[in-house]
C-alpha atoms as a PDB file:
ATOM      1  CA  MET A   1      33.054 166.568   1.643  1.00  0.00           C
ATOM      2  CA  ARG A   2      34.025 167.446   5.217  1.00  0.00           C
ATOM      3  CA  ASN A   3      32.414 164.251   6.511  1.00  0.00           C
ATOM      4  CA  ARG A   4      34.388 162.217   3.991  1.00  0.00           C
ATOM      5  CA  LEU A   5      37.644 163.829   5.147  1.00  0.00           C
ATOM      6  CA  ILE A   6      36.832 163.089   8.797  1.00  0.00           C
ATOM      7  CA  ALA A   7      35.973 159.482   7.964  1.00  0.00           C
ATOM      8  CA  LEU A   8      39.181 159.098   5.956  1.00  0.00           C
ATOM      9  CA  SER A   9      41.256 160.559   8.815  1.00  0.00           C
ATOM     10  CA  MET A  10      39.676 158.181  11.327  1.00  0.00           C
ATOM     11  CA  PHE A  11      40.379 155.253   8.984  1.00  0.00           C
ATOM     12  CA  LEU A  12      44.048 156.223   8.679  1.00  0.00           C
ATOM     13  CA  ILE A  13      44.423 156.555  12.461  1.00  0.00           C
ATOM     14  CA  LEU A  14      42.811 153.197  13.167  1.00  0.00           C
ATOM     15  CA  SER A  15      44.675 151.426  10.377  1.00  0.00           C
ATOM     16  CA  SER A  16      48.015 152.603  11.796  1.00  0.00           C
ATOM     17  CA  ILE A  17      47.449 150.695  15.055  1.00  0.00           C
ATOM     18  CA  PRO A  18      48.986 147.196  14.895  1.00  0.00           C
ATOM     19  CA  GLU A  19      46.571 144.325  15.119  1.00  0.00           C
ATOM     20  CA  ILE A  20      46.715 141.009  16.911  1.00  0.00           C
ATOM     21  CA  SER A  21      45.213 137.824  15.571  1.00  0.00           C
ATOM     22  CA  TYR A  22      43.269 135.655  17.958  1.00  0.00           C
ATOM     23  CA  SER A  23      43.869 131.931  17.671  1.00  0.00           C
ATOM     24  CA  GLN A  24      41.064 129.394  17.908  1.00  0.00           C
ATOM     25  CA  GLU A  25      41.658 129.361  21.655  1.00  0.00           C
ATOM     26  CA  PRO A  26      40.123 132.592  23.065  1.00  0.00           C
ATOM     27  CA  THR A  27      42.831 132.815  25.739  1.00  0.00           C
ATOM     28  CA  SER A  28      45.688 133.054  23.195  1.00  0.00           C
ATOM     29  CA  VAL A  29      46.815 135.712  20.714  1.00  0.00           C
ATOM     30  CA  GLN A  30      49.202 135.883  17.760  1.00  0.00           C
ATOM     31  CA  ILE A  31      51.385 139.001  17.751  1.00  0.00           C
ATOM     32  CA  ASN A  32      53.823 140.451  15.232  1.00  0.00           C
ATOM     33  CA  PHE A  33      55.038 143.948  16.111  1.00  0.00           C
ATOM     34  CA  GLU A  34      58.030 145.450  14.328  1.00  0.00           C
ATOM     35  CA  ASP A  35      59.251 148.916  15.324  1.00  0.00           C
ATOM     36  CA  VAL A  36      55.791 149.789  16.655  1.00  0.00           C
ATOM     37  CA  ASP A  37      55.124 152.948  18.672  1.00  0.00           C
ATOM     38  CA  ILE A  38      54.768 152.069  22.355  1.00  0.00           C
ATOM     39  CA  LYS A  39      51.464 153.963  22.565  1.00  0.00           C
ATOM     40  CA  ASP A  40      49.990 151.871  19.765  1.00  0.00           C
ATOM     41  CA  PHE A  41      51.244 148.715  21.465  1.00  0.00           C
ATOM     42  CA  THR A  42      49.509 149.880  24.656  1.00  0.00           C
ATOM     43  CA  LYS A  43      46.213 150.273  22.801  1.00  0.00           C
ATOM     44  CA  VAL A  44      46.482 146.733  21.446  1.00  0.00           C
ATOM     45  CA  VAL A  45      47.227 145.258  24.865  1.00  0.00           C
ATOM     46  CA  SER A  46      44.391 147.233  26.440  1.00  0.00           C
ATOM     47  CA  ARG A  47      41.994 145.791  23.895  1.00  0.00           C
ATOM     48  CA  ALA A  48      43.320 142.239  24.385  1.00  0.00           C
ATOM     49  CA  ILE A  49      43.200 142.141  28.192  1.00  0.00           C
ATOM     50  CA  GLY A  50      40.038 144.225  28.526  1.00  0.00           C
ATOM     51  CA  LYS A  51      41.488 146.919  30.812  1.00  0.00           C
ATOM     52  CA  ASP A  52      41.915 150.673  30.466  1.00  0.00           C
ATOM     53  CA  ILE A  53      45.550 151.806  30.613  1.00  0.00           C
ATOM     54  CA  ILE A  54      46.579 155.303  31.709  1.00  0.00           C
ATOM     55  CA  ILE A  55      49.806 156.483  30.062  1.00  0.00           C
ATOM     56  CA  PRO A  56      51.914 159.605  30.733  1.00  0.00           C
ATOM     57  CA  PRO A  57      51.630 162.340  28.059  1.00  0.00           C
ATOM     58  CA  ASN A  58      55.385 162.397  27.375  1.00  0.00           C
ATOM     59  CA  LEU A  59      55.657 158.649  26.744  1.00  0.00           C
ATOM     60  CA  ARG A  60      58.030 157.876  23.862  1.00  0.00           C
ATOM     61  CA  GLY A  61      59.574 154.730  22.421  1.00  0.00           C
ATOM     62  CA  LYS A  62      59.230 151.906  19.926  1.00  0.00           C
ATOM     63  CA  ILE A  63      59.030 148.161  20.378  1.00  0.00           C
ATOM     64  CA  THR A  64      59.575 145.001  18.325  1.00  0.00           C
ATOM     65  CA  ILE A  65      57.976 141.721  19.423  1.00  0.00           C
ATOM     66  CA  VAL A  66      57.603 138.716  17.126  1.00  0.00           C
ATOM     67  CA  SER A  67      55.879 135.543  18.289  1.00  0.00           C
ATOM     68  CA  PRO A  68      55.886 132.563  15.874  1.00  0.00           C
ATOM     69  CA  LYS A  69      53.164 130.839  17.898  1.00  0.00           C
ATOM     70  CA  PRO A  70      50.041 132.066  19.689  1.00  0.00           C
ATOM     71  CA  ILE A  71      50.769 133.074  23.266  1.00  0.00           C
ATOM     72  CA  PRO A  72      48.408 133.203  26.272  1.00  0.00           C
ATOM     73  CA  LYS A  73      46.941 136.592  27.093  1.00  0.00           C
ATOM     74  CA  ARG A  74      48.651 136.374  30.454  1.00  0.00           C
ATOM     75  CA  GLU A  75      52.013 136.130  28.687  1.00  0.00           C
ATOM     76  CA  LEU A  76      51.101 139.110  26.504  1.00  0.00           C
ATOM     77  CA  TYR A  77      50.613 141.119  29.688  1.00  0.00           C
ATOM     78  CA  ASN A  78      54.021 139.995  30.964  1.00  0.00           C
ATOM     79  CA  LEU A  79      55.622 141.090  27.670  1.00  0.00           C
ATOM     80  CA  PHE A  80      53.855 144.421  28.019  1.00  0.00           C
ATOM     81  CA  VAL A  81      55.262 144.919  31.539  1.00  0.00           C
ATOM     82  CA  ALA A  82      58.768 143.854  30.447  1.00  0.00           C
ATOM     83  CA  ALA A  83      58.697 146.272  27.484  1.00  0.00           C
ATOM     84  CA  PHE A  84      57.935 149.224  29.737  1.00  0.00           C
ATOM     85  CA  ASP A  85      60.571 148.103  32.213  1.00  0.00           C
ATOM     86  CA  GLU A  86      63.180 148.419  29.440  1.00  0.00           C
ATOM     87  CA  LEU A  87      61.992 151.981  28.797  1.00  0.00           C
ATOM     88  CA  GLY A  88      62.267 152.939  32.489  1.00  0.00           C
ATOM     89  CA  TYR A  89      58.574 152.630  33.339  1.00  0.00           C
ATOM     90  CA  GLN A  90      56.517 150.317  35.538  1.00  0.00           C
ATOM     91  CA  VAL A  91      52.954 149.065  35.172  1.00  0.00           C
ATOM     92  CA  VAL A  92      50.894 149.549  38.329  1.00  0.00           C
ATOM     93  CA  ASP A  93      47.774 147.385  38.594  1.00  0.00           C
ATOM     94  CA  TYR A  94      44.817 149.100  40.254  1.00  0.00           C
ATOM     95  CA  GLY A  95      42.436 146.224  39.592  1.00  0.00           C
ATOM     96  CA  ASN A  96      40.014 147.791  37.112  1.00  0.00           C
ATOM     97  CA  TYR A  97      42.718 149.666  35.215  1.00  0.00           C
ATOM     98  CA  LEU A  98      46.496 149.920  34.756  1.00  0.00           C
ATOM     99  CA  LYS A  99      48.700 152.976  35.116  1.00  0.00           C
ATOM    100  CA  ILE A 100      52.126 153.557  33.564  1.00  0.00           C
ATOM    101  CA  VAL A 101      54.526 155.442  35.849  1.00  0.00           C
ATOM    102  CA  LYS A 102      58.246 156.163  35.988  1.00  0.00           C
ATOM    103  CA  SER A 103      60.144 153.348  37.690  1.00  0.00           C
ATOM    104  CA  ARG A 104      61.344 155.618  40.497  1.00  0.00           C
ATOM    105  CA  GLU A 105      57.741 156.623  41.248  1.00  0.00           C
ATOM    106  CA  ALA A 106      56.267 153.108  41.230  1.00  0.00           C
ATOM    107  CA  PRO A 107      56.854 152.240  44.926  1.00  0.00           C
ATOM    108  CA  ARG A 108      54.988 155.412  45.965  1.00  0.00           C
ATOM    109  CA  GLU A 109      51.907 154.406  44.010  1.00  0.00           C
ATOM    110  CA  SER A 110      49.081 152.552  45.711  1.00  0.00           C
ATOM    111  CA  VAL A 111      49.998 149.060  44.523  1.00  0.00           C
ATOM    112  CA  ARG A 112      48.140 145.801  45.047  1.00  0.00           C
ATOM    113  CA  ILE A 113      48.644 143.943  48.328  1.00  0.00           C
ATOM    114  CA  ALA A 114      49.507 140.320  47.581  1.00  0.00           C
ATOM    115  CA  SER A 115      49.491 137.192  49.717  1.00  0.00           C
ATOM    116  CA  GLY A 116      50.029 133.499  49.152  1.00  0.00           C
ATOM    117  CA  ARG A 117      51.602 132.178  45.971  1.00  0.00           C
ATOM    118  CA  LEU A 118      53.064 134.652  43.454  1.00  0.00           C
ATOM    119  CA  ASP A 119      53.348 134.165  39.681  1.00  0.00           C
ATOM    120  CA  GLY A 120      56.782 135.759  39.369  1.00  0.00           C
ATOM    121  CA  GLY A 121      56.148 138.475  36.773  1.00  0.00           C
ATOM    122  CA  ASP A 122      57.434 142.061  36.478  1.00  0.00           C
ATOM    123  CA  ARG A 123      54.448 143.861  37.994  1.00  0.00           C
ATOM    124  CA  ILE A 124      54.906 145.863  41.209  1.00  0.00           C
ATOM    125  CA  LEU A 125      53.353 144.350  44.328  1.00  0.00           C
ATOM    126  CA  THR A 126      53.371 144.888  48.068  1.00  0.00           C
ATOM    127  CA  TYR A 127      53.781 141.694  50.079  1.00  0.00           C
ATOM    128  CA  VAL A 128      53.460 141.319  53.851  1.00  0.00           C
ATOM    129  CA  TYR A 129      55.628 138.544  55.298  1.00  0.00           C
ATOM    130  CA  ILE A 130      55.471 137.551  58.979  1.00  0.00           C
ATOM    131  CA  PRO A 131      58.340 135.265  60.042  1.00  0.00           C
ATOM    132  CA  ARG A 132      57.460 132.445  62.401  1.00  0.00           C
ATOM    133  CA  HIS A 133      60.845 131.418  63.763  1.00  0.00           C
ATOM    134  CA  VAL A 134      63.146 134.438  63.299  1.00  0.00           C
ATOM    135  CA  LYS A 135      62.964 138.134  64.140  1.00  0.00           C
ATOM    136  CA  VAL A 136      62.766 140.731  61.376  1.00  0.00           C
ATOM    137  CA  ILE A 137      65.816 142.483  62.793  1.00  0.00           C
ATOM    138  CA  ASP A 138      67.845 139.338  62.040  1.00  0.00           C
ATOM    139  CA  VAL A 139      66.966 139.394  58.307  1.00  0.00           C
ATOM    140  CA  GLU A 140      66.846 143.169  57.788  1.00  0.00           C
ATOM    141  CA  SER A 141      70.206 143.574  56.039  1.00  0.00           C
ATOM    142  CA  LEU A 142      69.645 140.423  53.954  1.00  0.00           C
ATOM    143  CA  VAL A 143      66.308 141.640  52.562  1.00  0.00           C
ATOM    144  CA  ARG A 144      67.591 145.165  51.857  1.00  0.00           C
ATOM    145  CA  ASN A 145      70.498 143.781  49.844  1.00  0.00           C
ATOM    146  CA  MET A 146      68.148 141.636  47.735  1.00  0.00           C
ATOM    147  CA  LEU A 147      65.799 144.461  46.689  1.00  0.00           C
ATOM    148  CA  SER A 148      65.792 145.661  43.084  1.00  0.00           C
ATOM    149  CA  ARG A 149      66.620 149.286  42.246  1.00  0.00           C
ATOM    150  CA  ILE A 150      62.946 150.250  42.717  1.00  0.00           C
ATOM    151  CA  GLY A 151      62.235 148.007  45.698  1.00  0.00           C
ATOM    152  CA  ARG A 152      61.416 149.134  49.216  1.00  0.00           C
ATOM    153  CA  VAL A 153      60.941 147.347  52.524  1.00  0.00           C
ATOM    154  CA  SER A 154      59.550 148.360  55.910  1.00  0.00           C
ATOM    155  CA  PHE A 155      60.162 146.423  59.108  1.00  0.00           C
ATOM    156  CA  VAL A 156      57.347 146.433  61.665  1.00  0.00           C
ATOM    157  CA  ARG A 157      59.202 145.220  64.721  1.00  0.00           C
ATOM    158  CA  ASN A 158      56.203 145.293  67.083  1.00  0.00           C
ATOM    159  CA  SER A 159      54.364 142.835  64.820  1.00  0.00           C
ATOM    160  CA  ASN A 160      57.532 141.096  63.591  1.00  0.00           C
ATOM    161  CA  ALA A 161      56.497 141.717  59.982  1.00  0.00           C
ATOM    162  CA  LEU A 162      58.151 142.751  56.719  1.00  0.00           C
ATOM    163  CA  VAL A 163      56.296 144.895  54.163  1.00  0.00           C
ATOM    164  CA  ILE A 164      58.065 144.438  50.817  1.00  0.00           C
ATOM    165  CA  THR A 165      57.276 146.491  47.698  1.00  0.00           C
ATOM    166  CA  ASP A 166      59.085 145.299  44.595  1.00  0.00           C
ATOM    167  CA  LYS A 167      58.708 143.432  41.339  1.00  0.00           C
ATOM    168  CA  GLU A 168      56.781 140.212  41.769  1.00  0.00           C
ATOM    169  CA  LYS A 169      59.642 138.012  40.570  1.00  0.00           C
ATOM    170  CA  ASN A 170      62.075 139.634  43.000  1.00  0.00           C
ATOM    171  CA  ILE A 171      59.670 139.239  45.923  1.00  0.00           C
ATOM    172  CA  ASN A 172      59.485 135.565  44.965  1.00  0.00           C
ATOM    173  CA  ARG A 173      63.274 135.327  45.153  1.00  0.00           C
ATOM    174  CA  ILE A 174      63.342 137.003  48.575  1.00  0.00           C
ATOM    175  CA  LEU A 175      60.598 134.717  49.903  1.00  0.00           C
ATOM    176  CA  LYS A 176      62.501 131.607  48.804  1.00  0.00           C
ATOM    177  CA  ILE A 177      65.567 132.713  50.759  1.00  0.00           C
ATOM    178  CA  LEU A 178      63.476 133.655  53.793  1.00  0.00           C
ATOM    179  CA  GLY A 179      61.769 130.267  53.619  1.00  0.00           C
ATOM    180  CA  ARG A 180      65.131 128.563  54.053  1.00  0.00           C
ATOM    181  CA  ILE A 181      66.055 130.746  57.004  1.00  0.00           C
ATOM    182  CA  ASP A 182      62.697 130.922  58.759  1.00  0.00           C
ATOM    183  CA  ARG A 183      62.634 127.370  60.085  1.00  0.00           C
ATOM    184  CA  ALA A 184      62.007 125.875  63.497  1.00  0.00           C
ATOM    185  CA  PRO A 185      65.218 125.061  65.399  1.00  0.00           C
ATOM    186  CA  VAL A 186      66.188 121.416  65.632  1.00  0.00           C
ATOM    187  CA  LYS A 187      65.075 119.940  68.943  1.00  0.00           C
ATOM    188  CA  LEU A 188      67.524 118.116  71.177  1.00  0.00           C
ATOM    189  CA  GLN A 189      66.699 114.431  71.467  1.00  0.00           C
ATOM    190  CA  ILE A 190      68.099 111.909  73.927  1.00  0.00           C
ATOM    191  CA  ALA A 191      68.111 108.160  73.276  1.00  0.00           C
ATOM    192  CA  SER A 192      69.673 105.292  75.191  1.00  0.00           C
ATOM    193  CA  PHE A 193      70.828 101.893  73.937  1.00  0.00           C
ATOM    194  CA  SER A 194      71.904  98.742  75.738  1.00  0.00           C
ATOM    195  CA  LEU A 195      74.829  96.909  74.152  1.00  0.00           C
ATOM    196  CA  LYS A 196      75.142  93.150  74.452  1.00  0.00           C
ATOM    197  CA  ASN A 197      77.967  92.105  72.149  1.00  0.00           C
ATOM    198  CA  ALA A 198      80.154  95.231  71.878  1.00  0.00           C
ATOM    199  CA  ASP A 199      82.177  97.469  74.141  1.00  0.00           C
ATOM    200  CA  ALA A 200      80.533 100.864  74.704  1.00  0.00           C
ATOM    201  CA  LYS A 201      83.804 102.805  74.351  1.00  0.00           C
ATOM    202  CA  ASP A 202      84.512 101.271  70.955  1.00  0.00           C
ATOM    203  CA  VAL A 203      81.004 102.072  69.718  1.00  0.00           C
ATOM    204  CA  VAL A 204      81.303 105.695  70.887  1.00  0.00           C
ATOM    205  CA  LYS A 205      84.563 106.137  68.972  1.00  0.00           C
ATOM    206  CA  ILE A 206      83.057 104.714  65.778  1.00  0.00           C
ATOM    207  CA  LEU A 207      79.870 106.811  65.974  1.00  0.00           C
ATOM    208  CA  SER A 208      81.798 109.990  66.787  1.00  0.00           C
ATOM    209  CA  ALA A 209      83.910 109.484  63.667  1.00  0.00           C
ATOM    210  CA  LEU A 210      80.924 108.778  61.402  1.00  0.00           C
ATOM    211  CA  LEU A 211      78.371 111.355  62.548  1.00  0.00           C
ATOM    212  CA  ASN A 212      78.443 115.139  62.134  1.00  0.00           C
ATOM    213  CA  ARG A 213      78.957 117.644  64.874  1.00  0.00           C
ATOM    214  CA  GLY A 214      75.993 118.276  67.142  1.00  0.00           C
ATOM    215  CA  PHE A 215      75.864 114.747  68.500  1.00  0.00           C
ATOM    216  CA  ALA A 216      77.121 113.786  71.969  1.00  0.00           C
ATOM    217  CA  PHE A 217      77.607 110.368  73.505  1.00  0.00           C
ATOM    218  CA  ASP A 218      77.955 109.243  77.085  1.00  0.00           C
ATOM    219  CA  ILE A 219      78.540 105.878  78.687  1.00  0.00           C
ATOM    220  CA  THR A 220      76.517 104.740  81.682  1.00  0.00           C
ATOM    221  CA  ARG A 221      77.174 101.622  83.619  1.00  0.00           C
END
């Protein structure tokens, strides 16, 4: 009788966890969560992405996500990260497992060091950027003002490097702005032309009116 009660209890626990339906494509899932406990949602995501997830003991909250079409597993992970962001938590990726922490504690965690192209999701990353044509001191205030509420940045002046810890999508935004600023200066070029059928003074007046500032003209005899 006792064994039957244990088996029944286990059945009730497992049946309360929301399920996801896998489409014919193994990389996609069909989800339909309505007012689901966030812990149960975490179990489903853990099973779908094949990673253990460590959650804080006092985690509370419910979530509703409805997807009319199958979504890629990668997108399911992004939804998972966004859901915790709304609850004031961040998902820290340690490679073999994930850990849920309070947003204010996320930058202090040992987060993944990223380089190259970023996907632009909500996960927390640390990115090292080394400018080629500007000094970090020149972009310090700009980068600080672009950080999210959980973002941090360190400036290594000896190496002329920036160490940015923030959400992936915000790091992407910062890198785009830095890419526009961190460019080689325009080199000064000198060219000479010989005129046969026009007066040099007239040509200089016309070109000065048409071209932008930064150009200079001189007449040589």
